[in-house]
Amino acid sequence: MATKTSNTDKQTKSTHPIADKVQGTLHESVDTLAQKAASTEDRLRNAAQSSGESLAAKQAEVKEKWEQSSVKKYATENPVATAGIAFAAGVLLTSLLLRK
């Protein structure tokens, strides 16, 4: 009757020590790179989230200031005059920018 031997039963020595060393070093490098990439991704996600939250807060603050602004009040009470002022400002700015 033949006996079966598994890979764990065999104690073979590597015949490629340099290749094994390079392989081990490469595995370590890939693992280190993966850990650094994961930590960088976490930092970027946290920074993006906090930036988004601060941007939303700033946006709400600006909107509230606009709602209480005298400029908004004037613009809603005098839409034709507001359009005329905007047109005149555009003409003036264009003439200044085109002047050589």
PDB file of N, CA and C in Angstrom:
ATOM      1  N   MET A   1       0.835  -1.165   0.000  1.00  0.00           N
ATOM      2  CA  MET A   1       0.000   0.000   0.000  1.00  0.00           C
ATOM      3  C   MET A   1       0.892   1.244   0.000  1.00  0.00           C
ATOM      4  N   ALA A   2       0.605   2.204  -0.890  1.00  0.00           N
ATOM      5  CA  ALA A   2       1.434   3.402  -1.024  1.00  0.00           C
ATOM      6  C   ALA A   2       0.992   4.440  -0.010  1.00  0.00           C
ATOM      7  N   THR A   3       1.924   5.196   0.469  1.00  0.00           N
ATOM      8  CA  THR A   3       1.581   6.256   1.424  1.00  0.00           C
ATOM      9  C   THR A   3       1.584   7.589   0.708  1.00  0.00           C
ATOM     10  N   LYS A   4       0.657   8.448   1.116  1.00  0.00           N
ATOM     11  CA  LYS A   4       0.560   9.783   0.530  1.00  0.00           C
ATOM     12  C   LYS A   4       1.342  10.754   1.401  1.00  0.00           C
ATOM     13  N   THR A   5       2.024  11.669   0.756  1.00  0.00           N
ATOM     14  CA  THR A   5       2.744  12.696   1.502  1.00  0.00           C
ATOM     15  C   THR A   5       2.203  14.048   1.069  1.00  0.00           C
ATOM     16  N   SER A   6       1.950  14.902   2.022  1.00  0.00           N
ATOM     17  CA  SER A   6       1.438  16.234   1.710  1.00  0.00           C
ATOM     18  C   SER A   6       2.595  17.220   1.673  1.00  0.00           C
ATOM     19  N   ASN A   7       2.279  18.454   1.269  1.00  0.00           N
ATOM     20  CA  ASN A   7       3.306  19.487   1.188  1.00  0.00           C
ATOM     21  C   ASN A   7       3.880  19.826   2.551  1.00  0.00           C
ATOM     22  N   THR A   8       3.054  19.701   3.601  1.00  0.00           N
ATOM     23  CA  THR A   8       3.541  20.018   4.942  1.00  0.00           C
ATOM     24  C   THR A   8       4.489  18.944   5.452  1.00  0.00           C
ATOM     25  N   ASP A   9       4.340  17.735   4.957  1.00  0.00           N
ATOM     26  CA  ASP A   9       5.216  16.656   5.393  1.00  0.00           C
ATOM     27  C   ASP A   9       6.588  16.784   4.757  1.00  0.00           C
ATOM     28  N   LYS A  10       6.628  17.347   3.564  1.00  0.00           N
ATOM     29  CA  LYS A  10       7.899  17.485   2.870  1.00  0.00           C
ATOM     30  C   LYS A  10       8.627  18.721   3.386  1.00  0.00           C
ATOM     31  N   GLN A  11       9.823  18.545   3.739  1.00  0.00           N
ATOM     32  CA  GLN A  11      10.667  19.648   4.179  1.00  0.00           C
ATOM     33  C   GLN A  11      11.712  19.853   3.082  1.00  0.00           C
ATOM     34  N   THR A  12      11.346  20.655   2.066  1.00  0.00           N
ATOM     35  CA  THR A  12      12.276  20.866   0.964  1.00  0.00           C
ATOM     36  C   THR A  12      12.995  22.182   1.148  1.00  0.00           C
ATOM     37  N   LYS A  13      14.225  22.204   0.753  1.00  0.00           N
ATOM     38  CA  LYS A  13      15.009  23.412   0.808  1.00  0.00           C
ATOM     39  C   LYS A  13      14.881  24.124  -0.533  1.00  0.00           C
ATOM     40  N   SER A  14      14.871  25.452  -0.475  1.00  0.00           N
ATOM     41  CA  SER A  14      14.753  26.229  -1.696  1.00  0.00           C
ATOM     42  C   SER A  14      16.046  26.133  -2.486  1.00  0.00           C
ATOM     43  N   THR A  15      15.882  25.983  -3.769  1.00  0.00           N
ATOM     44  CA  THR A  15      17.057  25.932  -4.634  1.00  0.00           C
ATOM     45  C   THR A  15      17.330  27.294  -5.265  1.00  0.00           C
ATOM     46  N   HIS A  16      16.490  28.305  -4.916  1.00  0.00           N
ATOM     47  CA  HIS A  16      16.621  29.652  -5.472  1.00  0.00           C
ATOM     48  C   HIS A  16      16.644  30.676  -4.328  1.00  0.00           C
ATOM     49  N   PRO A  17      17.701  30.750  -3.572  1.00  0.00           N
ATOM     50  CA  PRO A  17      17.705  31.638  -2.405  1.00  0.00           C
ATOM     51  C   PRO A  17      17.622  33.121  -2.773  1.00  0.00           C
ATOM     52  N   ILE A  18      18.226  33.517  -3.865  1.00  0.00           N
ATOM     53  CA  ILE A  18      18.176  34.933  -4.258  1.00  0.00           C
ATOM     54  C   ILE A  18      16.767  35.307  -4.700  1.00  0.00           C
ATOM     55  N   ALA A  19      16.149  34.449  -5.488  1.00  0.00           N
ATOM     56  CA  ALA A  19      14.781  34.712  -5.934  1.00  0.00           C
ATOM     57  C   ALA A  19      13.823  34.757  -4.749  1.00  0.00           C
ATOM     58  N   ASP A  20      14.021  33.878  -3.779  1.00  0.00           N
ATOM     59  CA  ASP A  20      13.169  33.871  -2.589  1.00  0.00           C
ATOM     60  C   ASP A  20      13.344  35.149  -1.778  1.00  0.00           C
ATOM     61  N   LYS A  21      14.599  35.608  -1.672  1.00  0.00           N
ATOM     62  CA  LYS A  21      14.865  36.839  -0.935  1.00  0.00           C
ATOM     63  C   LYS A  21      14.223  38.040  -1.638  1.00  0.00           C
ATOM     64  N   VAL A  22      14.341  38.094  -2.954  1.00  0.00           N
ATOM     65  CA  VAL A  22      13.732  39.184  -3.737  1.00  0.00           C
ATOM     66  C   VAL A  22      12.215  39.132  -3.590  1.00  0.00           C
ATOM     67  N   GLN A  23      11.654  37.950  -3.644  1.00  0.00           N
ATOM     68  CA  GLN A  23      10.215  37.786  -3.507  1.00  0.00           C
ATOM     69  C   GLN A  23       9.741  38.279  -2.144  1.00  0.00           C
ATOM     70  N   GLY A  24      10.458  37.921  -1.100  1.00  0.00           N
ATOM     71  CA  GLY A  24      10.103  38.362   0.243  1.00  0.00           C
ATOM     72  C   GLY A  24      10.187  39.872   0.374  1.00  0.00           C
ATOM     73  N   THR A  25      11.242  40.448  -0.184  1.00  0.00           N
ATOM     74  CA  THR A  25      11.412  41.899  -0.139  1.00  0.00           C
ATOM     75  C   THR A  25      10.300  42.596  -0.904  1.00  0.00           C
ATOM     76  N   LEU A  26       9.945  42.059  -2.052  1.00  0.00           N
ATOM     77  CA  LEU A  26       8.861  42.652  -2.847  1.00  0.00           C
ATOM     78  C   LEU A  26       7.528  42.564  -2.112  1.00  0.00           C
ATOM     79  N   HIS A  27       7.271  41.443  -1.460  1.00  0.00           N
ATOM     80  CA  HIS A  27       6.032  41.315  -0.694  1.00  0.00           C
ATOM     81  C   HIS A  27       5.978  42.343   0.435  1.00  0.00           C
ATOM     82  N   GLU A  28       7.092  42.522   1.115  1.00  0.00           N
ATOM     83  CA  GLU A  28       7.151  43.515   2.186  1.00  0.00           C
ATOM     84  C   GLU A  28       6.930  44.924   1.636  1.00  0.00           C
ATOM     85  N   SER A  29       7.524  45.202   0.486  1.00  0.00           N
ATOM     86  CA  SER A  29       7.371  46.528  -0.133  1.00  0.00           C
ATOM     87  C   SER A  29       5.926  46.789  -0.529  1.00  0.00           C
ATOM     88  N   VAL A  30       5.296  45.781  -1.102  1.00  0.00           N
ATOM     89  CA  VAL A  30       3.897  45.933  -1.507  1.00  0.00           C
ATOM     90  C   VAL A  30       3.010  46.123  -0.282  1.00  0.00           C
ATOM     91  N   ASP A  31       3.266  45.380   0.775  1.00  0.00           N
ATOM     92  CA  ASP A  31       2.483  45.529   2.002  1.00  0.00           C
ATOM     93  C   ASP A  31       2.648  46.922   2.595  1.00  0.00           C
ATOM     94  N   THR A  32       3.881  47.420   2.631  1.00  0.00           N
ATOM     95  CA  THR A  32       4.146  48.757   3.159  1.00  0.00           C
ATOM     96  C   THR A  32       3.456  49.809   2.306  1.00  0.00           C
ATOM     97  N   LEU A  33       3.553  49.660   1.004  1.00  0.00           N
ATOM     98  CA  LEU A  33       2.910  50.602   0.088  1.00  0.00           C
ATOM     99  C   LEU A  33       1.393  50.586   0.264  1.00  0.00           C
ATOM    100  N   ALA A  34       0.824  49.421   0.438  1.00  0.00           N
ATOM    101  CA  ALA A  34      -0.626  49.315   0.637  1.00  0.00           C
ATOM    102  C   ALA A  34      -1.050  49.991   1.936  1.00  0.00           C
ATOM    103  N   GLN A  35      -0.257  49.836   2.987  1.00  0.00           N
ATOM    104  CA  GLN A  35      -0.577  50.480   4.264  1.00  0.00           C
ATOM    105  C   GLN A  35      -0.499  51.999   4.136  1.00  0.00           C
ATOM    106  N   LYS A  36       0.526  52.493   3.460  1.00  0.00           N
ATOM    107  CA  LYS A  36       0.671  53.939   3.279  1.00  0.00           C
ATOM    108  C   LYS A  36      -0.454  54.493   2.414  1.00  0.00           C
ATOM    109  N   ALA A  37      -0.830  53.760   1.383  1.00  0.00           N
ATOM    110  CA  ALA A  37      -1.930  54.201   0.524  1.00  0.00           C
ATOM    111  C   ALA A  37      -3.237  54.246   1.300  1.00  0.00           C
ATOM    112  N   ALA A  38      -3.459  53.267   2.152  1.00  0.00           N
ATOM    113  CA  ALA A  38      -4.689  53.233   2.956  1.00  0.00           C
ATOM    114  C   ALA A  38      -4.736  54.400   3.932  1.00  0.00           C
ATOM    115  N   SER A  39      -3.615  54.690   4.575  1.00  0.00           N
ATOM    116  CA  SER A  39      -3.613  55.811   5.526  1.00  0.00           C
ATOM    117  C   SER A  39      -3.766  57.145   4.798  1.00  0.00           C
ATOM    118  N   THR A  40      -3.166  57.270   3.626  1.00  0.00           N
ATOM    119  CA  THR A  40      -3.318  58.494   2.835  1.00  0.00           C
ATOM    120  C   THR A  40      -4.756  58.656   2.375  1.00  0.00           C
ATOM    121  N   GLU A  41      -5.375  57.572   1.959  1.00  0.00           N
ATOM    122  CA  GLU A  41      -6.775  57.626   1.547  1.00  0.00           C
ATOM    123  C   GLU A  41      -7.661  58.067   2.714  1.00  0.00           C
ATOM    124  N   ASP A  42      -7.415  57.535   3.897  1.00  0.00           N
ATOM    125  CA  ASP A  42      -8.191  57.932   5.074  1.00  0.00           C
ATOM    126  C   ASP A  42      -8.030  59.420   5.367  1.00  0.00           C
ATOM    127  N   ARG A  43      -6.783  59.906   5.301  1.00  0.00           N
ATOM    128  CA  ARG A  43      -6.549  61.333   5.555  1.00  0.00           C
ATOM    129  C   ARG A  43      -7.256  62.194   4.512  1.00  0.00           C
ATOM    130  N   LEU A  44      -7.197  61.791   3.247  1.00  0.00           N
ATOM    131  CA  LEU A  44      -7.862  62.557   2.191  1.00  0.00           C
ATOM    132  C   LEU A  44      -9.373  62.558   2.364  1.00  0.00           C
ATOM    133  N   ARG A  45      -9.924  61.416   2.713  1.00  0.00           N
ATOM    134  CA  ARG A  45     -11.375  61.350   2.937  1.00  0.00           C
ATOM    135  C   ARG A  45     -11.798  62.243   4.100  1.00  0.00           C
ATOM    136  N   ASN A  46     -11.029  62.206   5.192  1.00  0.00           N
ATOM    137  CA  ASN A  46     -11.352  63.048   6.345  1.00  0.00           C
ATOM    138  C   ASN A  46     -11.229  64.527   5.997  1.00  0.00           C
ATOM    139  N   ALA A  47     -10.191  64.878   5.251  1.00  0.00           N
ATOM    140  CA  ALA A  47     -10.003  66.274   4.850  1.00  0.00           C
ATOM    141  C   ALA A  47     -11.130  66.727   3.933  1.00  0.00           C
ATOM    142  N   ALA A  48     -11.523  65.870   3.008  1.00  0.00           N
ATOM    143  CA  ALA A  48     -12.612  66.220   2.093  1.00  0.00           C
ATOM    144  C   ALA A  48     -13.928  66.386   2.848  1.00  0.00           C
ATOM    145  N   GLN A  49     -14.163  65.513   3.810  1.00  0.00           N
ATOM    146  CA  GLN A  49     -15.396  65.605   4.584  1.00  0.00           C
ATOM    147  C   GLN A  49     -15.433  66.884   5.409  1.00  0.00           C
ATOM    148  N   SER A  50     -14.333  67.199   6.085  1.00  0.00           N
ATOM    149  CA  SER A  50     -14.317  68.417   6.895  1.00  0.00           C
ATOM    150  C   SER A  50     -14.382  69.661   6.015  1.00  0.00           C
ATOM    151  N   SER A  51     -13.743  69.615   4.840  1.00  0.00           N
ATOM    152  CA  SER A  51     -13.826  70.745   3.913  1.00  0.00           C
ATOM    153  C   SER A  51     -15.253  70.923   3.408  1.00  0.00           C
ATOM    154  N   GLY A  52     -15.910  69.829   3.120  1.00  0.00           N
ATOM    155  CA  GLY A  52     -17.296  69.896   2.671  1.00  0.00           C
ATOM    156  C   GLY A  52     -18.214  70.472   3.738  1.00  0.00           C
ATOM    157  N   GLU A  53     -17.974  70.057   4.979  1.00  0.00           N
ATOM    158  CA  GLU A  53     -18.789  70.567   6.077  1.00  0.00           C
ATOM    159  C   GLU A  53     -18.554  72.060   6.296  1.00  0.00           C
ATOM    160  N   SER A  54     -17.287  72.482   6.251  1.00  0.00           N
ATOM    161  CA  SER A  54     -17.003  73.903   6.447  1.00  0.00           C
ATOM    162  C   SER A  54     -17.511  74.735   5.271  1.00  0.00           C
ATOM    163  N   LEU A  55     -17.449  74.179   4.071  1.00  0.00           N
ATOM    164  CA  LEU A  55     -17.983  74.882   2.901  1.00  0.00           C
ATOM    165  C   LEU A  55     -19.495  75.036   3.009  1.00  0.00           C
ATOM    166  N   ALA A  56     -20.182  74.004   3.459  1.00  0.00           N
ATOM    167  CA  ALA A  56     -21.631  74.086   3.629  1.00  0.00           C
ATOM    168  C   ALA A  56     -21.994  75.120   4.693  1.00  0.00           C
ATOM    169  N   ALA A  57     -21.228  75.170   5.771  1.00  0.00           N
ATOM    170  CA  ALA A  57     -21.491  76.161   6.818  1.00  0.00           C
ATOM    171  C   ALA A  57     -21.255  77.571   6.295  1.00  0.00           C
ATOM    172  N   LYS A  58     -20.179  77.766   5.553  1.00  0.00           N
ATOM    173  CA  LYS A  58     -19.868  79.082   4.984  1.00  0.00           C
ATOM    174  C   LYS A  58     -20.946  79.484   3.970  1.00  0.00           C
ATOM    175  N   GLN A  59     -21.419  78.536   3.184  1.00  0.00           N
ATOM    176  CA  GLN A  59     -22.460  78.798   2.198  1.00  0.00           C
ATOM    177  C   GLN A  59     -23.747  79.247   2.892  1.00  0.00           C
ATOM    178  N   ALA A  60     -24.110  78.592   3.975  1.00  0.00           N
ATOM    179  CA  ALA A  60     -25.308  78.973   4.728  1.00  0.00           C
ATOM    180  C   ALA A  60     -25.146  80.366   5.322  1.00  0.00           C
ATOM    181  N   GLU A  61     -23.948  80.676   5.800  1.00  0.00           N
ATOM    182  CA  GLU A  61     -23.680  81.994   6.370  1.00  0.00           C
ATOM    183  C   GLU A  61     -23.802  83.092   5.314  1.00  0.00           C
ATOM    184  N   VAL A  62     -23.235  82.851   4.132  1.00  0.00           N
ATOM    185  CA  VAL A  62     -23.302  83.831   3.044  1.00  0.00           C
ATOM    186  C   VAL A  62     -24.751  84.009   2.575  1.00  0.00           C
ATOM    187  N   LYS A  63     -25.491  82.911   2.505  1.00  0.00           N
ATOM    188  CA  LYS A  63     -26.888  82.994   2.088  1.00  0.00           C
ATOM    189  C   LYS A  63     -27.698  83.821   3.086  1.00  0.00           C
ATOM    190  N   GLU A  64     -27.434  83.617   4.363  1.00  0.00           N
ATOM    191  CA  GLU A  64     -28.146  84.378   5.389  1.00  0.00           C
ATOM    192  C   GLU A  64     -27.810  85.869   5.293  1.00  0.00           C
ATOM    193  N   LYS A  65     -26.531  86.181   5.068  1.00  0.00           N
ATOM    194  CA  LYS A  65     -26.135  87.587   4.905  1.00  0.00           C
ATOM    195  C   LYS A  65     -26.793  88.201   3.676  1.00  0.00           C
ATOM    196  N   TRP A  66     -26.884  87.432   2.580  1.00  0.00           N
ATOM    197  CA  TRP A  66     -27.511  87.925   1.360  1.00  0.00           C
ATOM    198  C   TRP A  66     -28.988  88.219   1.583  1.00  0.00           C
ATOM    199  N   GLU A  67     -29.648  87.341   2.317  1.00  0.00           N
ATOM    200  CA  GLU A  67     -31.073  87.541   2.588  1.00  0.00           C
ATOM    201  C   GLU A  67     -31.323  88.829   3.371  1.00  0.00           C
ATOM    202  N   GLN A  68     -30.383  89.233   4.207  1.00  0.00           N
ATOM    203  CA  GLN A  68     -30.533  90.440   5.022  1.00  0.00           C
ATOM    204  C   GLN A  68     -29.883  91.662   4.372  1.00  0.00           C
ATOM    205  N   SER A  69     -29.322  91.498   3.191  1.00  0.00           N
ATOM    206  CA  SER A  69     -28.558  92.550   2.528  1.00  0.00           C
ATOM    207  C   SER A  69     -29.449  93.660   1.969  1.00  0.00           C
ATOM    208  N   SER A  70     -28.944  94.894   2.035  1.00  0.00           N
ATOM    209  CA  SER A  70     -29.668  96.029   1.447  1.00  0.00           C
ATOM    210  C   SER A  70     -29.578  95.979  -0.076  1.00  0.00           C
ATOM    211  N   VAL A  71     -28.527  95.365  -0.617  1.00  0.00           N
ATOM    212  CA  VAL A  71     -28.393  95.229  -2.072  1.00  0.00           C
ATOM    213  C   VAL A  71     -29.514  94.346  -2.611  1.00  0.00           C
ATOM    214  N   LYS A  72     -29.797  93.246  -1.938  1.00  0.00           N
ATOM    215  CA  LYS A  72     -30.884  92.358  -2.380  1.00  0.00           C
ATOM    216  C   LYS A  72     -32.216  93.099  -2.312  1.00  0.00           C
ATOM    217  N   LYS A  73     -32.401  93.839  -1.243  1.00  0.00           N
ATOM    218  CA  LYS A  73     -33.644  94.590  -1.078  1.00  0.00           C
ATOM    219  C   LYS A  73     -33.808  95.579  -2.221  1.00  0.00           C
ATOM    220  N   TYR A  74     -32.734  96.319  -2.553  1.00  0.00           N
ATOM    221  CA  TYR A  74     -32.796  97.295  -3.645  1.00  0.00           C
ATOM    222  C   TYR A  74     -33.060  96.601  -4.981  1.00  0.00           C
ATOM    223  N   ALA A  75     -32.369  95.470  -5.209  1.00  0.00           N
ATOM    224  CA  ALA A  75     -32.513  94.755  -6.472  1.00  0.00           C
ATOM    225  C   ALA A  75     -33.932  94.221  -6.663  1.00  0.00           C
ATOM    226  N   THR A  76     -34.556  93.761  -5.600  1.00  0.00           N
ATOM    227  CA  THR A  76     -35.913  93.236  -5.734  1.00  0.00           C
ATOM    228  C   THR A  76     -36.946  94.364  -5.858  1.00  0.00           C
ATOM    229  N   GLU A  77     -36.657  95.524  -5.257  1.00  0.00           N
ATOM    230  CA  GLU A  77     -37.587  96.646  -5.349  1.00  0.00           C
ATOM    231  C   GLU A  77     -37.430  97.418  -6.661  1.00  0.00           C
ATOM    232  N   ASN A  78     -36.242  97.399  -7.263  1.00  0.00           N
ATOM    233  CA  ASN A  78     -35.959  98.164  -8.483  1.00  0.00           C
ATOM    234  C   ASN A  78     -35.247  97.284  -9.516  1.00  0.00           C
ATOM    235  N   PRO A  79     -35.961  96.335 -10.115  1.00  0.00           N
ATOM    236  CA  PRO A  79     -35.288  95.411 -11.030  1.00  0.00           C
ATOM    237  C   PRO A  79     -34.782  96.088 -12.315  1.00  0.00           C
ATOM    238  N   VAL A  80     -35.492  97.080 -12.829  1.00  0.00           N
ATOM    239  CA  VAL A  80     -35.074  97.738 -14.074  1.00  0.00           C
ATOM    240  C   VAL A  80     -33.802  98.549 -13.815  1.00  0.00           C
ATOM    241  N   ALA A  81     -33.765  99.269 -12.728  1.00  0.00           N
ATOM    242  CA  ALA A  81     -32.578 100.054 -12.396  1.00  0.00           C
ATOM    243  C   ALA A  81     -31.383  99.133 -12.143  1.00  0.00           C
ATOM    244  N   THR A  82     -31.621  98.002 -11.515  1.00  0.00           N
ATOM    245  CA  THR A  82     -30.549  97.038 -11.256  1.00  0.00           C
ATOM    246  C   THR A  82     -29.983  96.509 -12.565  1.00  0.00           C
ATOM    247  N   ALA A  83     -30.860  96.186 -13.516  1.00  0.00           N
ATOM    248  CA  ALA A  83     -30.404  95.711 -14.822  1.00  0.00           C
ATOM    249  C   ALA A  83     -29.612  96.803 -15.543  1.00  0.00           C
ATOM    250  N   GLY A  84     -30.058  98.055 -15.469  1.00  0.00           N
ATOM    251  CA  GLY A  84     -29.338  99.167 -16.096  1.00  0.00           C
ATOM    252  C   GLY A  84     -27.962  99.369 -15.483  1.00  0.00           C
ATOM    253  N   ILE A  85     -27.864  99.268 -14.176  1.00  0.00           N
ATOM    254  CA  ILE A  85     -26.574  99.405 -13.492  1.00  0.00           C
ATOM    255  C   ILE A  85     -25.631  98.273 -13.909  1.00  0.00           C
ATOM    256  N   ALA A  86     -26.147  97.063 -13.974  1.00  0.00           N
ATOM    257  CA  ALA A  86     -25.331  95.915 -14.366  1.00  0.00           C
ATOM    258  C   ALA A  86     -24.854  96.067 -15.812  1.00  0.00           C
ATOM    259  N   PHE A  87     -25.740  96.566 -16.698  1.00  0.00           N
ATOM    260  CA  PHE A  87     -25.360  96.766 -18.100  1.00  0.00           C
ATOM    261  C   PHE A  87     -24.270  97.829 -18.199  1.00  0.00           C
ATOM    262  N   ALA A  88     -24.439  98.938 -17.509  1.00  0.00           N
ATOM    263  CA  ALA A  88     -23.449 100.022 -17.553  1.00  0.00           C
ATOM    264  C   ALA A  88     -22.106  99.560 -16.994  1.00  0.00           C
ATOM    265  N   ALA A  89     -22.130  98.781 -15.931  1.00  0.00           N
ATOM    266  CA  ALA A  89     -20.883  98.259 -15.361  1.00  0.00           C
ATOM    267  C   ALA A  89     -20.198  97.320 -16.353  1.00  0.00           C
ATOM    268  N   GLY A  90     -20.979  96.522 -17.059  1.00  0.00           N
ATOM    269  CA  GLY A  90     -20.421  95.606 -18.060  1.00  0.00           C
ATOM    270  C   GLY A  90     -19.790  96.355 -19.226  1.00  0.00           C
ATOM    271  N   VAL A  91     -20.464  97.417 -19.687  1.00  0.00           N
ATOM    272  CA  VAL A  91     -19.925  98.216 -20.789  1.00  0.00           C
ATOM    273  C   VAL A  91     -18.621  98.875 -20.345  1.00  0.00           C
ATOM    274  N   LEU A  92     -18.606  99.454 -19.168  1.00  0.00           N
ATOM    275  CA  LEU A  92     -17.414 100.123 -18.654  1.00  0.00           C
ATOM    276  C   LEU A  92     -16.250  99.130 -18.499  1.00  0.00           C
ATOM    277  N   LEU A  93     -16.511  97.978 -17.935  1.00  0.00           N
ATOM    278  CA  LEU A  93     -15.472  96.975 -17.747  1.00  0.00           C
ATOM    279  C   LEU A  93     -14.940  96.493 -19.091  1.00  0.00           C
ATOM    280  N   THR A  94     -15.842  96.271 -20.052  1.00  0.00           N
ATOM    281  CA  THR A  94     -15.414  95.821 -21.381  1.00  0.00           C
ATOM    282  C   THR A  94     -14.544  96.862 -22.058  1.00  0.00           C
ATOM    283  N   SER A  95     -14.934  98.130 -21.967  1.00  0.00           N
ATOM    284  CA  SER A  95     -14.126  99.182 -22.599  1.00  0.00           C
ATOM    285  C   SER A  95     -12.756  99.317 -21.940  1.00  0.00           C
ATOM    286  N   LEU A  96     -12.672  99.123 -20.640  1.00  0.00           N
ATOM    287  CA  LEU A  96     -11.381  99.177 -19.959  1.00  0.00           C
ATOM    288  C   LEU A  96     -10.492  97.991 -20.334  1.00  0.00           C
ATOM    289  N   LEU A  97     -11.093  96.816 -20.484  1.00  0.00           N
ATOM    290  CA  LEU A  97     -10.310  95.616 -20.818  1.00  0.00           C
ATOM    291  C   LEU A  97      -9.839  95.613 -22.274  1.00  0.00           C
ATOM    292  N   LEU A  98     -10.613  96.234 -23.162  1.00  0.00           N
ATOM    293  CA  LEU A  98     -10.254  96.238 -24.580  1.00  0.00           C
ATOM    294  C   LEU A  98      -9.283  97.375 -24.918  1.00  0.00           C
ATOM    295  N   ARG A  99      -9.141  98.323 -24.037  1.00  0.00           N
ATOM    296  CA  ARG A  99      -8.228  99.444 -24.269  1.00  0.00           C
ATOM    297  C   ARG A  99      -6.798  98.925 -24.262  1.00  0.00           C
ATOM    298  N   LYS A 100      -6.041  99.324 -25.279  1.00  0.00           N
ATOM    299  CA  LYS A 100      -4.649  98.842 -25.398  1.00  0.00           C
ATOM    300  C   LYS A 100      -3.664  99.919 -25.128  1.00  0.00           C
TER     301      LYS A 100
END
